[in-house]
Protein backbone atom coordinates (compact mmCIF):
# COMPACT_ATOMS: atom_id res chain seq x y z
CA MET A 1 -2.17 -29.65 75.71
CA MET A 2 -1.11 -26.88 73.49
CA VAL A 3 -0.80 -28.75 70.21
CA PRO A 4 -3.50 -28.56 67.73
CA ALA A 5 -5.00 -31.52 65.61
CA ARG A 6 -3.78 -31.95 62.19
CA GLY A 7 -6.26 -29.78 60.62
CA GLY A 8 -5.43 -26.93 62.83
CA GLY A 9 -8.50 -27.30 65.25
CA HIS A 10 -8.87 -28.61 68.84
CA ARG A 11 -7.76 -32.22 69.61
CA ASN A 12 -10.11 -34.56 71.06
CA VAL A 13 -9.58 -34.81 74.73
CA SER A 14 -9.73 -38.71 75.13
CA TYR A 15 -7.53 -39.14 71.87
CA ALA A 16 -4.73 -36.87 73.36
CA LEU A 17 -4.94 -38.47 76.98
CA ASP A 18 -4.61 -41.82 75.21
CA LEU A 19 -1.37 -40.51 73.30
CA PHE A 20 -0.09 -38.91 76.51
CA HIS A 21 -0.46 -42.24 78.25
CA GLU A 22 1.31 -44.37 75.69
CA ASP A 23 4.12 -41.48 75.85
CA LEU A 24 4.23 -42.10 79.60
CA ALA A 25 4.60 -45.84 79.05
CA THR A 26 7.42 -45.26 76.42
CA LEU A 27 9.46 -43.14 78.79
CA GLY A 28 8.81 -45.23 81.72
CA CYS A 29 6.83 -42.70 83.79
CA ALA A 30 4.71 -44.74 86.15
CA SER A 31 3.34 -42.03 88.14
CA GLY A 32 0.67 -40.80 85.64
CA GLY A 33 2.37 -37.55 84.81
CA TYR A 34 2.76 -36.19 88.12
CA ASP A 35 6.72 -36.54 87.87
CA LEU A 36 6.49 -34.53 84.66
CA ARG A 37 4.45 -31.68 86.24
CA ARG A 38 6.81 -31.57 89.08
CA SER A 39 9.88 -31.52 86.81
CA PHE A 40 8.30 -28.75 84.62
CA VAL A 41 7.26 -26.65 87.73
CA SER A 42 10.84 -27.18 89.23
CA LEU A 43 12.79 -26.12 86.29
CA ALA A 44 10.75 -23.37 85.20
CA VAL A 45 10.89 -21.89 88.67
CA GLY A 46 14.66 -22.17 88.56
CA ASP A 47 14.63 -20.42 85.09
CA GLY A 48 12.95 -17.60 86.60
CA ALA A 49 9.24 -18.23 85.97
CA SER A 50 6.56 -16.95 88.29
CA LYS A 51 5.23 -19.69 90.52
CA ASP A 52 1.87 -18.06 90.71
CA LEU A 53 1.67 -17.94 86.86
CA LEU A 54 2.91 -21.87 86.68
CA ARG A 55 0.09 -22.48 89.30
CA TRP A 56 -2.45 -21.34 86.80
CA ILE A 57 -1.11 -23.46 84.00
CA THR A 58 -0.65 -26.75 86.06
CA HIS A 59 -3.61 -26.70 88.58
CA ILE A 60 -7.21 -25.64 89.05
CA PRO A 61 -7.73 -22.30 90.36
CA GLY A 62 -7.80 -22.51 94.18
CA ASP A 63 -10.95 -20.63 95.38
CA VAL A 64 -13.87 -18.92 93.63
CA PHE A 65 -12.11 -15.56 93.31
CA ASP A 66 -9.53 -17.09 91.38
CA SER A 67 -11.90 -18.40 88.87
CA TYR A 68 -12.78 -14.87 88.03
CA ASN A 69 -9.31 -13.35 87.89
CA SER A 70 -7.30 -15.05 85.27
CA PRO A 71 -4.11 -14.09 83.80
CA PRO A 72 -3.80 -12.80 80.46
CA TRP A 73 -2.56 -15.72 77.88
CA PRO A 74 0.48 -13.80 76.70
CA ALA A 75 1.51 -13.69 80.73
CA LEU A 76 1.12 -17.65 80.88
CA CYS A 77 2.91 -18.09 77.56
CA GLN A 78 5.91 -15.81 78.91
CA ALA A 79 6.00 -18.15 82.12
CA VAL A 80 6.27 -21.17 80.04
CA GLY A 81 8.75 -19.43 77.73
CA LYS A 82 11.06 -19.10 80.79
CA LEU A 83 11.94 -22.75 80.80
CA ARG A 84 15.16 -23.50 79.00
CA ILE A 85 15.03 -26.52 76.85
CA GLU A 86 18.49 -27.73 75.31
CA LEU A 87 19.16 -31.19 73.68
CA ARG A 88 22.35 -32.60 74.81
CA ASP A 89 24.90 -33.88 72.55
CA ASP A 90 24.56 -37.50 74.22
CA ALA A 91 20.73 -37.22 74.42
CA GLN A 92 18.71 -40.33 72.90
CA VAL A 93 15.76 -39.53 71.07
CA ILE A 94 12.61 -41.23 71.67
CA ALA A 95 9.78 -41.53 69.20
CA LEU A 96 6.67 -40.84 71.09
CA ALA A 97 3.11 -41.97 70.34
CA GLY A 98 1.65 -38.49 69.50
CA ALA A 99 4.55 -37.92 67.05
CA ALA A 100 4.10 -41.54 65.34
CA SER A 101 0.16 -40.72 65.13
CA GLU A 102 0.85 -37.54 63.32
CA ARG A 103 3.05 -39.48 60.65
CA GLY A 104 0.50 -42.15 60.29
CA GLY A 105 2.61 -44.39 62.37
CA SER A 106 1.74 -47.04 65.51
CA VAL A 107 -1.59 -45.48 66.90
CA GLU A 108 -4.19 -47.55 65.10
CA ASN A 109 -7.69 -46.10 63.82
CA ARG A 110 -8.51 -43.58 66.40
CA ALA A 111 -10.89 -40.61 65.65
CA GLU A 112 -9.06 -37.49 66.28
CA GLY A 113 -12.37 -35.47 66.35
């Protein structure tokens, strides 16, 4: 996740995962997020992103050599930036758990760490 905690620091991984699962349930995604990863990769490659860079973003490195040779952060950001996201005129906006918790909404008393 690339969204910092309210104070600007790192998010607690367990807290972020709980919010992610709530968001998946809200969106009706039953596959645990795999369909989101597939959509992200497919759309980003279609928009011109390098599949090799996307592999670094979405998967654990494939072999020992890969763990010693990581792409620079700007290259990874550029690959994600290739994804063209547009809000359609008829799109329905859905309030997600993560957004609600940042506003003091429905997520109850969880330490963000």
